[in-house]
Amino acid sequence: MRHFRQHAARLVAACVFALPAFAHASALDQFRSFVSTTKSARGEFVQRQVKSVGGGEKASGSASGTFVFARPGKFIWTYQKPYEQLLQADGEKLYIYDKDLNQVTVKALGNALGSSPAAILFGSNDLEKNFTLKDAGARDGLEWLEATPKAKDTTFDRIAIGLKDGVPQAMELHDSFGQVSQLSFRKFEKNPALGGEQFRFVVPKGADVFQQY
């Protein structure tokens, strides 16, 4: 479980309502429209980590929680089960808070978001600067897009994004070790009204703080 917690944190750190007009649009068209029209969002997620074993898949952990984001680079990604962990960015710094350890790790957000999976939801609108995008066909009732990072030193080899009705419904993040982090989204609300102070992180009382720059 500790390995899954660390992997999940790297996923986000490194990581709407239906519109009928998108019913037959390609994944690439849907995604470009989503990015250009979505300045903020919130919802819930379920995350599962799987690994290919003997031609099949073996799950090694799952988690669930909530998210809220405002472009560019502001987000709150909260794991609620099976453990409590918070990843929060204010546009300049990323804070990772482990409640069990009462420990906060602080990192500079910088350009790290640009070529990471988190950029899909939380980054700027210039995603094609950092990713090569292409349609990947239909599967499981979704239209899929494949995003390949242009940088060679990223955690993930490729990212698959499943869309329906103009919003992401699922993501699959493939790393160089054959592991896949699968995320599904629900209650995805597009462009809710958010206050700027919402993304200001306050260090919990008594927490140990570690700076990583």
N, C-alpha and C. Protein backbone atom coordinates (compact mmCIF):
# COMPACT_ATOMS: atom_id res chain seq x y z
N MET A 1 0.83 -1.19 0.00
CA MET A 1 0.00 0.00 0.00
C MET A 1 0.87 1.26 0.00
N ARG A 2 2.03 1.20 0.74
CA ARG A 2 2.92 2.35 0.75
C ARG A 2 3.42 2.66 -0.64
N HIS A 3 3.74 1.58 -1.43
CA HIS A 3 4.20 1.80 -2.81
C HIS A 3 3.11 2.46 -3.63
N PHE A 4 1.86 2.02 -3.43
CA PHE A 4 0.76 2.61 -4.18
C PHE A 4 0.58 4.08 -3.82
N ARG A 5 0.73 4.40 -2.54
CA ARG A 5 0.58 5.80 -2.11
C ARG A 5 1.64 6.67 -2.78
N GLN A 6 2.89 6.18 -2.83
CA GLN A 6 3.95 6.96 -3.45
C GLN A 6 3.71 7.10 -4.94
N HIS A 7 3.26 6.01 -5.58
CA HIS A 7 3.01 6.06 -7.02
C HIS A 7 1.87 7.02 -7.33
N ALA A 8 0.84 6.98 -6.50
CA ALA A 8 -0.32 7.87 -6.71
C ALA A 8 0.08 9.32 -6.58
N ALA A 9 0.96 9.62 -5.61
CA ALA A 9 1.40 10.99 -5.43
C ALA A 9 2.20 11.46 -6.62
N ARG A 10 3.07 10.59 -7.15
CA ARG A 10 3.86 10.97 -8.33
C ARG A 10 2.96 11.19 -9.53
N LEU A 11 1.92 10.39 -9.61
CA LEU A 11 0.98 10.51 -10.72
C LEU A 11 0.43 11.92 -10.84
N VAL A 12 0.00 12.47 -9.76
CA VAL A 12 -0.62 13.79 -9.80
C VAL A 12 0.42 14.88 -9.76
N ALA A 13 1.46 14.66 -9.01
CA ALA A 13 2.51 15.67 -8.89
C ALA A 13 3.23 15.84 -10.21
N ALA A 14 3.52 14.79 -10.87
CA ALA A 14 4.33 14.90 -12.13
C ALA A 14 3.48 15.43 -13.22
N CYS A 15 0.49 14.73 -12.48
CA CYS A 15 -0.65 14.42 -12.85
C CYS A 15 -0.89 15.58 -11.89
N VAL A 16 -18.61 17.82 -15.87
CA VAL A 16 -19.14 18.57 -17.07
C VAL A 16 -20.47 17.97 -17.47
N PHE A 17 -20.76 18.63 -17.74
CA PHE A 17 -22.06 18.07 -18.10
C PHE A 17 -22.10 17.74 -19.59
N ALA A 18 -22.91 16.72 -19.93
CA ALA A 18 -22.93 16.22 -21.30
C ALA A 18 -23.46 17.26 -22.28
N LEU A 19 -22.81 17.32 -23.46
CA LEU A 19 -23.26 18.20 -24.54
C LEU A 19 -23.54 17.33 -25.76
N PRO A 20 -24.79 17.16 -26.18
CA PRO A 20 -25.16 16.26 -27.27
C PRO A 20 -24.39 16.52 -28.56
N ALA A 21 -23.93 17.72 -28.81
CA ALA A 21 -23.23 18.02 -30.05
C ALA A 21 -21.95 17.20 -30.20
N PHE A 22 -21.45 16.63 -29.11
CA PHE A 22 -20.20 15.88 -29.16
C PHE A 22 -20.43 14.39 -29.38
N ALA A 23 -21.66 13.97 -29.57
CA ALA A 23 -21.98 12.55 -29.59
C ALA A 23 -21.14 11.77 -30.60
N HIS A 24 -20.82 12.35 -31.75
CA HIS A 24 -20.09 11.62 -32.78
C HIS A 24 -18.76 12.29 -33.13
N ALA A 25 -18.32 13.21 -32.30
CA ALA A 25 -17.05 13.87 -32.56
C ALA A 25 -15.89 12.97 -32.18
N SER A 26 -14.76 13.12 -32.86
CA SER A 26 -13.59 12.33 -32.54
C SER A 26 -13.06 12.72 -31.17
N ALA A 27 -12.23 11.84 -30.60
CA ALA A 27 -11.66 12.14 -29.29
C ALA A 27 -10.81 13.40 -29.34
N LEU A 28 -10.05 13.58 -30.41
CA LEU A 28 -9.19 14.75 -30.52
C LEU A 28 -10.01 16.03 -30.57
N ASP A 29 -11.10 16.03 -31.35
CA ASP A 29 -11.97 17.21 -31.42
C ASP A 29 -12.62 17.50 -30.06
N GLN A 30 -13.10 16.44 -29.40
CA GLN A 30 -13.71 16.61 -28.09
C GLN A 30 -12.71 17.17 -27.08
N PHE A 31 -11.50 16.64 -27.12
CA PHE A 31 -10.49 17.05 -26.16
C PHE A 31 -10.07 18.50 -26.37
N ARG A 32 -9.86 18.90 -27.62
CA ARG A 32 -9.48 20.28 -27.89
C ARG A 32 -10.57 21.25 -27.44
N SER A 33 -11.82 20.86 -27.65
CA SER A 33 -12.93 21.71 -27.22
C SER A 33 -12.99 21.78 -25.70
N PHE A 34 -12.78 20.65 -25.04
CA PHE A 34 -12.78 20.62 -23.58
C PHE A 34 -11.71 21.55 -23.01
N VAL A 35 -10.50 21.45 -23.54
CA VAL A 35 -9.39 22.26 -23.03
C VAL A 35 -9.65 23.74 -23.25
N SER A 36 -10.18 24.09 -24.41
CA SER A 36 -10.36 25.51 -24.73
C SER A 36 -11.52 26.15 -23.97
N THR A 37 -12.48 25.35 -23.51
CA THR A 37 -13.68 25.91 -22.87
C THR A 37 -13.73 25.66 -21.36
N THR A 38 -12.79 24.88 -20.84
CA THR A 38 -12.84 24.53 -19.42
C THR A 38 -11.75 25.27 -18.65
N LYS A 39 -12.14 26.27 -17.91
CA LYS A 39 -11.21 27.04 -17.10
C LYS A 39 -11.09 26.49 -15.68
N SER A 40 -12.12 25.80 -15.23
CA SER A 40 -12.11 25.19 -13.91
C SER A 40 -13.07 24.01 -13.91
N ALA A 41 -12.92 23.13 -12.93
CA ALA A 41 -13.82 21.97 -12.82
C ALA A 41 -13.66 21.34 -11.45
N ARG A 42 -14.62 20.50 -11.12
CA ARG A 42 -14.51 19.71 -9.90
C ARG A 42 -15.30 18.43 -10.09
N GLY A 43 -15.00 17.44 -9.26
CA GLY A 43 -15.68 16.16 -9.38
C GLY A 43 -15.07 15.12 -8.46
N GLU A 44 -15.34 13.87 -8.77
CA GLU A 44 -14.85 12.75 -7.99
C GLU A 44 -14.07 11.81 -8.89
N PHE A 45 -13.16 11.03 -8.29
CA PHE A 45 -12.38 10.09 -9.07
C PHE A 45 -12.23 8.77 -8.33
N VAL A 46 -12.01 7.73 -9.11
CA VAL A 46 -11.61 6.42 -8.59
C VAL A 46 -10.35 6.03 -9.34
N GLN A 47 -9.34 5.60 -8.62
CA GLN A 47 -8.04 5.27 -9.22
C GLN A 47 -7.68 3.82 -8.90
N ARG A 48 -7.18 3.13 -9.92
CA ARG A 48 -6.79 1.73 -9.75
C ARG A 48 -5.45 1.52 -10.43
N GLN A 49 -4.57 0.81 -9.80
CA GLN A 49 -3.27 0.51 -10.38
C GLN A 49 -3.22 -0.96 -10.78
N VAL A 50 -2.85 -1.24 -12.02
CA VAL A 50 -2.80 -2.61 -12.50
C VAL A 50 -1.45 -2.86 -13.16
N LYS A 51 -1.09 -4.14 -13.25
CA LYS A 51 0.15 -4.54 -13.90
C LYS A 51 -0.10 -5.77 -14.74
N SER A 52 0.51 -5.82 -15.92
CA SER A 52 0.35 -6.96 -16.81
C SER A 52 1.09 -8.17 -16.24
N VAL A 53 0.35 -9.27 -16.07
CA VAL A 53 0.93 -10.50 -15.53
C VAL A 53 0.42 -11.69 -16.33
N GLY A 54 1.32 -12.38 -17.05
CA GLY A 54 0.95 -13.57 -17.80
C GLY A 54 -0.16 -13.36 -18.81
N GLY A 55 -0.12 -12.23 -19.49
CA GLY A 55 -1.13 -11.95 -20.50
C GLY A 55 -2.41 -11.35 -19.94
N GLY A 56 -2.49 -11.23 -18.61
CA GLY A 56 -3.67 -10.63 -17.99
C GLY A 56 -3.29 -9.41 -17.18
N GLU A 57 -4.21 -8.95 -16.35
CA GLU A 57 -3.98 -7.79 -15.52
C GLU A 57 -4.18 -8.14 -14.05
N LYS A 58 -3.32 -7.60 -13.20
CA LYS A 58 -3.42 -7.81 -11.76
C LYS A 58 -3.48 -6.46 -11.07
N ALA A 59 -4.56 -6.24 -10.32
CA ALA A 59 -4.72 -4.98 -9.60
C ALA A 59 -3.89 -5.01 -8.33
N SER A 60 -3.20 -3.90 -8.02
CA SER A 60 -2.36 -3.85 -6.84
C SER A 60 -2.81 -2.78 -5.84
N GLY A 61 -3.91 -2.12 -6.11
CA GLY A 61 -4.40 -1.13 -5.17
C GLY A 61 -5.42 -0.23 -5.82
N SER A 62 -6.26 0.38 -5.00
CA SER A 62 -7.25 1.32 -5.52
C SER A 62 -7.45 2.43 -4.51
N ALA A 63 -7.92 3.56 -4.99
CA ALA A 63 -8.15 4.72 -4.14
C ALA A 63 -9.27 5.56 -4.75
N SER A 64 -9.83 6.44 -3.94
CA SER A 64 -10.89 7.31 -4.44
C SER A 64 -10.86 8.62 -3.68
N GLY A 65 -11.46 9.63 -4.29
CA GLY A 65 -11.48 10.94 -3.65
C GLY A 65 -12.12 11.99 -4.52
N THR A 66 -11.73 13.24 -4.31
CA THR A 66 -12.31 14.36 -5.03
C THR A 66 -11.21 15.24 -5.63
N PHE A 67 -11.60 16.06 -6.60
CA PHE A 67 -10.65 17.00 -7.20
C PHE A 67 -11.36 18.31 -7.53
N VAL A 68 -10.56 19.37 -7.57
CA VAL A 68 -11.02 20.67 -8.05
C VAL A 68 -9.81 21.34 -8.68
N PHE A 69 -10.00 22.03 -9.81
CA PHE A 69 -8.87 22.69 -10.44
C PHE A 69 -9.30 23.98 -11.12
N ALA A 70 -8.33 24.86 -11.28
CA ALA A 70 -8.50 26.10 -12.04
C ALA A 70 -7.23 26.31 -12.84
N ARG A 71 -7.37 26.47 -14.13
CA ARG A 71 -6.20 26.68 -14.98
C ARG A 71 -5.65 28.09 -14.78
N PRO A 72 -4.31 28.23 -14.88
CA PRO A 72 -3.33 27.16 -15.02
C PRO A 72 -2.68 26.81 -13.68
N GLY A 73 -2.53 25.53 -13.43
CA GLY A 73 -1.70 25.07 -12.33
C GLY A 73 -2.23 25.20 -10.93
N LYS A 74 -3.53 25.37 -10.76
CA LYS A 74 -4.10 25.42 -9.42
C LYS A 74 -5.04 24.22 -9.27
N PHE A 75 -4.79 23.42 -8.23
CA PHE A 75 -5.67 22.27 -8.04
C PHE A 75 -5.60 21.76 -6.61
N ILE A 76 -6.63 21.01 -6.24
CA ILE A 76 -6.69 20.28 -4.98
C ILE A 76 -7.14 18.86 -5.32
N TRP A 77 -6.25 17.92 -5.12
CA TRP A 77 -6.55 16.50 -5.41
C TRP A 77 -6.52 15.77 -4.08
N THR A 78 -7.67 15.29 -3.63
CA THR A 78 -7.80 14.73 -2.28
C THR A 78 -8.11 13.24 -2.33
N TYR A 79 -7.20 12.45 -1.76
CA TYR A 79 -7.48 11.03 -1.58
C TYR A 79 -8.22 10.85 -0.25
N GLN A 80 -9.36 10.16 -0.31
CA GLN A 80 -10.15 9.94 0.89
C GLN A 80 -10.11 8.49 1.36
N LYS A 81 -10.03 7.56 0.41
CA LYS A 81 -9.96 6.13 0.73
C LYS A 81 -8.89 5.49 -0.15
N PRO A 82 -8.16 4.52 0.34
CA PRO A 82 -8.20 3.90 1.68
C PRO A 82 -7.37 4.67 2.71
N TYR A 83 -6.75 5.78 2.31
CA TYR A 83 -5.97 6.61 3.21
C TYR A 83 -6.25 8.06 2.86
N GLU A 84 -5.88 8.96 3.72
CA GLU A 84 -6.10 10.38 3.46
C GLU A 84 -4.79 11.05 3.06
N GLN A 85 -4.82 11.66 1.90
CA GLN A 85 -3.64 12.37 1.40
C GLN A 85 -4.13 13.52 0.52
N LEU A 86 -3.41 14.64 0.58
CA LEU A 86 -3.80 15.83 -0.15
C LEU A 86 -2.66 16.30 -1.04
N LEU A 87 -2.97 16.57 -2.29
CA LEU A 87 -2.02 17.21 -3.20
C LEU A 87 -2.65 18.51 -3.64
N GLN A 88 -1.96 19.63 -3.36
CA GLN A 88 -2.54 20.94 -3.62
C GLN A 88 -1.51 21.86 -4.24
N ALA A 89 -1.91 22.57 -5.28
CA ALA A 89 -1.02 23.50 -5.97
C ALA A 89 -1.69 24.86 -6.06
N ASP A 90 -0.88 25.91 -5.84
CA ASP A 90 -1.41 27.28 -5.86
C ASP A 90 -0.96 28.05 -7.10
N GLY A 91 -0.41 27.33 -8.08
CA GLY A 91 0.10 27.97 -9.29
C GLY A 91 1.60 28.16 -9.27
N GLU A 92 2.20 28.11 -8.09
CA GLU A 92 3.65 28.27 -7.94
C GLU A 92 4.30 27.10 -7.22
N LYS A 93 3.63 26.58 -6.19
CA LYS A 93 4.18 25.48 -5.41
C LYS A 93 3.18 24.33 -5.31
N LEU A 94 3.73 23.13 -5.16
CA LEU A 94 2.93 21.93 -4.96
C LEU A 94 3.14 21.44 -3.54
N TYR A 95 2.04 21.19 -2.82
CA TYR A 95 2.09 20.71 -1.45
C TYR A 95 1.50 19.31 -1.40
N ILE A 96 2.26 18.38 -0.82
CA ILE A 96 1.78 17.01 -0.65
C ILE A 96 1.68 16.75 0.85
N TYR A 97 0.47 16.54 1.32
CA TYR A 97 0.24 16.37 2.76
C TYR A 97 -0.23 14.95 3.05
N ASP A 98 0.54 14.24 3.86
CA ASP A 98 0.20 12.90 4.31
C ASP A 98 -0.34 13.02 5.73
N LYS A 99 -1.62 12.77 5.89
CA LYS A 99 -2.26 12.98 7.19
C LYS A 99 -1.74 12.01 8.23
N ASP A 100 -1.54 10.73 7.85
CA ASP A 100 -1.07 9.72 8.81
C ASP A 100 0.28 10.10 9.40
N LEU A 101 1.16 10.62 8.55
CA LEU A 101 2.50 11.00 9.00
C LEU A 101 2.55 12.43 9.52
N ASN A 102 1.47 13.19 9.28
CA ASN A 102 1.43 14.63 9.58
C ASN A 102 2.67 15.31 8.99
N GLN A 103 2.83 15.10 7.71
CA GLN A 103 4.03 15.55 7.00
C GLN A 103 3.65 16.25 5.70
N VAL A 104 4.30 17.39 5.44
CA VAL A 104 4.06 18.16 4.21
C VAL A 104 5.35 18.23 3.41
N THR A 105 5.27 17.88 2.13
CA THR A 105 6.40 18.02 1.21
C THR A 105 6.06 19.15 0.25
N VAL A 106 6.97 20.11 0.10
CA VAL A 106 6.73 21.27 -0.75
C VAL A 106 7.69 21.22 -1.94
N LYS A 107 7.14 21.37 -3.15
CA LYS A 107 7.94 21.37 -4.36
C LYS A 107 7.58 22.58 -5.21
N ALA A 108 8.55 23.05 -5.98
CA ALA A 108 8.26 24.13 -6.93
C ALA A 108 7.50 23.55 -8.10
N LEU A 109 6.40 24.18 -8.47
CA LEU A 109 5.60 23.67 -9.57
C LEU A 109 6.33 23.87 -10.89
N GLY A 110 6.83 25.09 -11.10
CA GLY A 110 7.66 25.39 -12.26
C GLY A 110 7.09 24.87 -13.56
N ASN A 111 7.98 24.32 -14.39
CA ASN A 111 7.57 23.76 -15.67
C ASN A 111 7.28 22.27 -15.58
N ALA A 112 7.40 21.69 -14.38
CA ALA A 112 7.21 20.25 -14.23
C ALA A 112 5.82 19.81 -14.65
N LEU A 113 4.85 20.69 -14.48
CA LEU A 113 3.47 20.33 -14.82
C LEU A 113 3.29 20.13 -16.31
N GLY A 114 4.11 20.82 -17.12
CA GLY A 114 3.89 20.85 -18.55
C GLY A 114 3.85 19.51 -19.24
N SER A 115 4.78 18.61 -18.91
CA SER A 115 4.85 17.32 -19.59
C SER A 115 4.39 16.17 -18.71
N SER A 116 3.63 16.47 -17.67
CA SER A 116 3.16 15.44 -16.76
C SER A 116 1.68 15.13 -17.00
N PRO A 117 1.19 14.00 -16.50
CA PRO A 117 -0.24 13.68 -16.64
C PRO A 117 -1.15 14.74 -16.04
N ALA A 118 -0.68 15.41 -14.97
CA ALA A 118 -1.50 16.44 -14.34
C ALA A 118 -1.85 17.56 -15.30
N ALA A 119 -1.01 17.77 -16.31
CA ALA A 119 -1.25 18.85 -17.27
C ALA A 119 -2.53 18.62 -18.07
N ILE A 120 -2.94 17.38 -18.21
CA ILE A 120 -4.16 17.08 -18.96
C ILE A 120 -5.35 17.82 -18.34
N LEU A 121 -5.43 17.82 -17.04
CA LEU A 121 -6.54 18.49 -16.37
C LEU A 121 -6.19 19.87 -15.86
N PHE A 122 -4.97 20.04 -15.34
CA PHE A 122 -4.67 21.23 -14.55
C PHE A 122 -3.79 22.26 -15.25
N GLY A 123 -3.18 21.92 -16.37
CA GLY A 123 -2.19 22.80 -16.98
C GLY A 123 -2.80 23.89 -17.83
N SER A 124 -1.96 24.45 -18.68
CA SER A 124 -2.41 25.52 -19.57
C SER A 124 -3.14 24.91 -20.76
N ASN A 125 -3.57 25.76 -21.66
CA ASN A 125 -4.27 25.29 -22.86
C ASN A 125 -3.32 24.85 -23.96
N ASP A 126 -2.01 25.01 -23.76
CA ASP A 126 -1.03 24.72 -24.80
C ASP A 126 -0.47 23.31 -24.66
N LEU A 127 -1.36 22.31 -24.54
CA LEU A 127 -0.92 20.95 -24.28
C LEU A 127 -0.14 20.34 -25.44
N GLU A 128 -0.47 20.75 -26.67
CA GLU A 128 0.20 20.14 -27.82
C GLU A 128 1.66 20.59 -27.93
N LYS A 129 2.05 21.53 -27.09
CA LYS A 129 3.47 21.91 -27.02
C LYS A 129 4.27 20.82 -26.33
N ASN A 130 3.64 20.11 -25.40
CA ASN A 130 4.32 19.09 -24.61
C ASN A 130 3.93 17.66 -24.93
N PHE A 131 2.83 17.48 -25.66
CA PHE A 131 2.35 16.15 -25.99
C PHE A 131 2.09 16.02 -27.49
N THR A 132 2.31 14.82 -28.01
CA THR A 132 1.84 14.47 -29.35
C THR A 132 0.50 13.78 -29.19
N LEU A 133 -0.54 14.32 -29.78
CA LEU A 133 -1.89 13.81 -29.61
C LEU A 133 -2.38 13.12 -30.86
N LYS A 134 -3.11 12.00 -30.69
CA LYS A 134 -3.72 11.33 -31.83
C LYS A 134 -4.93 10.53 -31.36
N ASP A 135 -5.90 10.35 -32.28
CA ASP A 135 -7.07 9.54 -31.97
C ASP A 135 -6.66 8.08 -31.83
N ALA A 136 -7.31 7.38 -30.88
CA ALA A 136 -6.97 5.98 -30.62
C ALA A 136 -8.19 5.07 -30.70
N GLY A 137 -9.26 5.52 -31.36
CA GLY A 137 -10.42 4.67 -31.58
C GLY A 137 -11.38 4.61 -30.41
N ALA A 138 -12.43 3.79 -30.58
CA ALA A 138 -13.49 3.65 -29.58
C ALA A 138 -13.27 2.38 -28.76
N ARG A 139 -13.58 2.48 -27.46
CA ARG A 139 -13.46 1.34 -26.56
C ARG A 139 -14.27 1.61 -25.31
N ASP A 140 -15.01 0.61 -24.84
CA ASP A 140 -15.79 0.72 -23.60
C ASP A 140 -16.77 1.89 -23.62
N GLY A 141 -17.32 2.18 -24.80
CA GLY A 141 -18.30 3.25 -24.92
C GLY A 141 -17.71 4.64 -24.94
N LEU A 142 -16.38 4.75 -25.03
CA LEU A 142 -15.71 6.05 -25.03
C LEU A 142 -14.88 6.20 -26.29
N GLU A 143 -14.64 7.46 -26.68
CA GLU A 143 -13.70 7.76 -27.74
C GLU A 143 -12.35 8.07 -27.08
N TRP A 144 -11.29 7.39 -27.55
CA TRP A 144 -10.00 7.48 -26.86
C TRP A 144 -8.99 8.30 -27.63
N LEU A 145 -8.21 9.05 -26.86
CA LEU A 145 -7.13 9.87 -27.37
C LEU A 145 -5.83 9.37 -26.74
N GLU A 146 -4.76 9.31 -27.52
CA GLU A 146 -3.46 8.93 -26.98
C GLU A 146 -2.56 10.15 -26.96
N ALA A 147 -1.96 10.42 -25.80
CA ALA A 147 -1.05 11.56 -25.62
C ALA A 147 0.33 11.02 -25.27
N THR A 148 1.31 11.34 -26.10
CA THR A 148 2.69 10.89 -25.87
C THR A 148 3.54 12.09 -25.50
N PRO A 149 4.18 12.09 -24.32
CA PRO A 149 5.02 13.23 -23.93
C PRO A 149 6.18 13.42 -24.91
N LYS A 150 6.45 14.65 -25.30
CA LYS A 150 7.58 14.93 -26.18
C LYS A 150 8.90 14.88 -25.43
N ALA A 151 8.88 15.17 -24.15
CA ALA A 151 10.09 15.08 -23.33
C ALA A 151 10.42 13.61 -23.08
N LYS A 152 11.71 13.28 -23.00
CA LYS A 152 12.13 11.90 -22.83
C LYS A 152 12.32 11.50 -21.37
N ASP A 153 12.24 12.44 -20.45
CA ASP A 153 12.53 12.15 -19.05
C ASP A 153 11.29 12.19 -18.16
N THR A 154 10.13 11.89 -18.75
CA THR A 154 8.90 11.91 -17.97
C THR A 154 8.65 10.55 -17.33
N THR A 155 7.78 10.53 -16.32
CA THR A 155 7.47 9.30 -15.60
C THR A 155 6.69 8.33 -16.46
N PHE A 156 5.87 8.84 -17.37
CA PHE A 156 4.97 8.00 -18.14
C PHE A 156 5.32 7.98 -19.62
N ASP A 157 5.21 6.79 -20.22
CA ASP A 157 5.49 6.61 -21.64
C ASP A 157 4.36 7.17 -22.51
N ARG A 158 3.14 6.94 -22.07
CA ARG A 158 1.99 7.44 -22.83
C ARG A 158 0.78 7.52 -21.92
N ILE A 159 -0.18 8.31 -22.34
CA ILE A 159 -1.40 8.54 -21.58
C ILE A 159 -2.59 8.37 -22.52
N ALA A 160 -3.57 7.59 -22.11
CA ALA A 160 -4.79 7.43 -22.89
C ALA A 160 -5.92 8.15 -22.16
N ILE A 161 -6.72 8.89 -22.92
CA ILE A 161 -7.82 9.67 -22.35
C ILE A 161 -9.11 9.25 -23.03
N GLY A 162 -10.07 8.78 -22.26
CA GLY A 162 -11.37 8.38 -22.80
C GLY A 162 -12.38 9.49 -22.61
N LEU A 163 -13.03 9.90 -23.71
CA LEU A 163 -13.98 11.01 -23.65
C LEU A 163 -15.37 10.59 -24.12
N LYS A 164 -16.37 11.27 -23.56
CA LYS A 164 -17.75 11.09 -23.98
C LYS A 164 -18.49 12.39 -23.73
N ASP A 165 -19.27 12.81 -24.70
CA ASP A 165 -20.05 14.04 -24.57
C ASP A 165 -19.17 15.25 -24.25
N GLY A 166 -17.94 15.23 -24.75
CA GLY A 166 -17.09 16.40 -24.66
C GLY A 166 -16.27 16.57 -23.39
N VAL A 167 -16.27 15.56 -22.50
CA VAL A 167 -15.48 15.65 -21.28
C VAL A 167 -14.75 14.34 -21.02
N PRO A 168 -13.61 14.39 -20.32
CA PRO A 168 -12.89 13.16 -19.97
C PRO A 168 -13.71 12.31 -18.99
N GLN A 169 -13.79 11.03 -19.30
CA GLN A 169 -14.45 10.09 -18.40
C GLN A 169 -13.46 9.13 -17.75
N ALA A 170 -12.29 8.96 -18.41
CA ALA A 170 -11.30 8.02 -17.90
C ALA A 170 -9.92 8.39 -18.41
N MET A 171 -8.90 7.98 -17.67
CA MET A 171 -7.51 8.15 -18.10
C MET A 171 -6.75 6.87 -17.77
N GLU A 172 -5.79 6.51 -18.63
CA GLU A 172 -4.90 5.40 -18.38
C GLU A 172 -3.47 5.91 -18.55
N LEU A 173 -2.66 5.73 -17.52
CA LEU A 173 -1.29 6.25 -17.54
C LEU A 173 -0.31 5.08 -17.52
N HIS A 174 0.42 4.91 -18.61
CA HIS A 174 1.32 3.78 -18.79
C HIS A 174 2.75 4.20 -18.49
N ASP A 175 3.39 3.51 -17.52
CA ASP A 175 4.77 3.86 -17.21
C ASP A 175 5.74 2.86 -17.83
N SER A 176 7.01 3.11 -17.68
CA SER A 176 8.04 2.29 -18.33
C SER A 176 8.24 0.95 -17.65
N PHE A 177 7.56 0.71 -16.53
CA PHE A 177 7.69 -0.56 -15.81
C PHE A 177 6.51 -1.50 -16.08
N GLY A 178 5.67 -1.14 -17.03
CA GLY A 178 4.54 -1.99 -17.37
C GLY A 178 3.33 -1.81 -16.48
N GLN A 179 3.37 -0.82 -15.60
CA GLN A 179 2.23 -0.55 -14.73
C GLN A 179 1.30 0.47 -15.37
N VAL A 180 0.03 0.32 -15.09
CA VAL A 180 -0.97 1.24 -15.63
C VAL A 180 -1.81 1.79 -14.47
N SER A 181 -1.89 3.10 -14.38
CA SER A 181 -2.78 3.75 -13.41
C SER A 181 -4.06 4.14 -14.16
N GLN A 182 -5.16 3.56 -13.74
CA GLN A 182 -6.45 3.82 -14.39
C GLN A 182 -7.29 4.73 -13.50
N LEU A 183 -7.80 5.81 -14.08
CA LEU A 183 -8.66 6.74 -13.36
C LEU A 183 -10.00 6.86 -14.07
N SER A 184 -11.06 6.88 -13.32
CA SER A 184 -12.38 7.17 -13.86
C SER A 184 -12.94 8.36 -13.10
N PHE A 185 -13.66 9.22 -13.83
CA PHE A 185 -14.20 10.44 -13.25
C PHE A 185 -15.72 10.41 -13.24
N ARG A 186 -16.29 11.02 -12.23
CA ARG A 186 -17.75 11.13 -12.14
C ARG A 186 -18.11 12.46 -11.48
N LYS A 187 -19.36 12.84 -11.65
CA LYS A 187 -19.86 14.13 -11.13
C LYS A 187 -18.96 15.28 -11.58
N PHE A 188 -18.53 15.23 -12.85
CA PHE A 188 -17.61 16.21 -13.40
C PHE A 188 -18.38 17.49 -13.71
N GLU A 189 -18.12 18.53 -12.94
CA GLU A 189 -18.80 19.82 -13.11
C GLU A 189 -17.85 20.80 -13.78
N LYS A 190 -18.27 21.34 -14.88
CA LYS A 190 -17.43 22.25 -15.67
C LYS A 190 -17.65 23.71 -15.27
N ASN A 191 -16.54 24.43 -15.09
CA ASN A 191 -16.53 25.87 -14.82
C ASN A 191 -17.39 26.31 -13.63
N PRO A 192 -17.24 25.66 -12.48
CA PRO A 192 -17.92 26.17 -11.28
C PRO A 192 -17.25 27.45 -10.81
N ALA A 193 -17.95 28.25 -10.06
CA ALA A 193 -17.36 29.47 -9.50
C ALA A 193 -16.44 29.09 -8.35
N LEU A 194 -15.17 29.48 -8.44
CA LEU A 194 -14.18 29.15 -7.42
C LEU A 194 -13.49 30.41 -6.94
N GLY A 195 -13.22 30.46 -5.66
CA GLY A 195 -12.50 31.60 -5.09
C GLY A 195 -11.00 31.38 -5.15
N GLY A 196 -10.24 32.43 -5.38
CA GLY A 196 -8.79 32.31 -5.49
C GLY A 196 -8.14 31.80 -4.22
N GLU A 197 -8.71 32.18 -3.06
CA GLU A 197 -8.13 31.76 -1.78
C GLU A 197 -8.31 30.27 -1.54
N GLN A 198 -9.17 29.64 -2.31
CA GLN A 198 -9.45 28.22 -2.12
C GLN A 198 -8.20 27.36 -2.31
N PHE A 199 -7.25 27.85 -3.13
CA PHE A 199 -6.06 27.06 -3.45
C PHE A 199 -4.85 27.43 -2.60
N ARG A 200 -5.04 28.31 -1.62
CA ARG A 200 -3.94 28.68 -0.73
C ARG A 200 -3.79 27.60 0.34
N PHE A 201 -2.62 27.00 0.41
CA PHE A 201 -2.39 25.89 1.34
C PHE A 201 -1.99 26.43 2.72
N VAL A 202 -2.59 25.87 3.76
CA VAL A 202 -2.26 26.21 5.14
C VAL A 202 -1.67 24.97 5.79
N VAL A 203 -0.45 25.07 6.27
CA VAL A 203 0.22 23.92 6.89
C VAL A 203 -0.53 23.51 8.16
N PRO A 204 -0.93 22.22 8.26
CA PRO A 204 -1.63 21.76 9.47
C PRO A 204 -0.77 21.93 10.73
N LYS A 205 -1.41 22.16 11.84
CA LYS A 205 -0.70 22.39 13.10
C LYS A 205 0.19 21.20 13.45
N GLY A 206 1.45 21.49 13.75
CA GLY A 206 2.38 20.47 14.18
C GLY A 206 2.99 19.62 13.07
N ALA A 207 2.64 19.89 11.81
CA ALA A 207 3.14 19.07 10.71
C ALA A 207 4.61 19.36 10.42
N ASP A 208 5.36 18.32 10.09
CA ASP A 208 6.73 18.48 9.64
C ASP A 208 6.72 18.91 8.17
N VAL A 209 7.54 19.89 7.83
CA VAL A 209 7.56 20.43 6.47
C VAL A 209 8.93 20.17 5.84
N PHE A 210 8.93 19.58 4.64
CA PHE A 210 10.16 19.30 3.91
C PHE A 210 10.12 20.02 2.57
N GLN A 211 11.13 20.82 2.31
CA GLN A 211 11.23 21.58 1.07
C GLN A 211 12.06 20.79 0.05
N GLN A 212 11.53 20.63 -1.16
CA GLN A 212 12.25 19.95 -2.24
C GLN A 212 12.23 20.85 -3.46
N TYR A 213 13.36 21.49 -3.77
CA TYR A 213 13.44 22.39 -4.91
C TYR A 213 14.58 21.95 -5.83
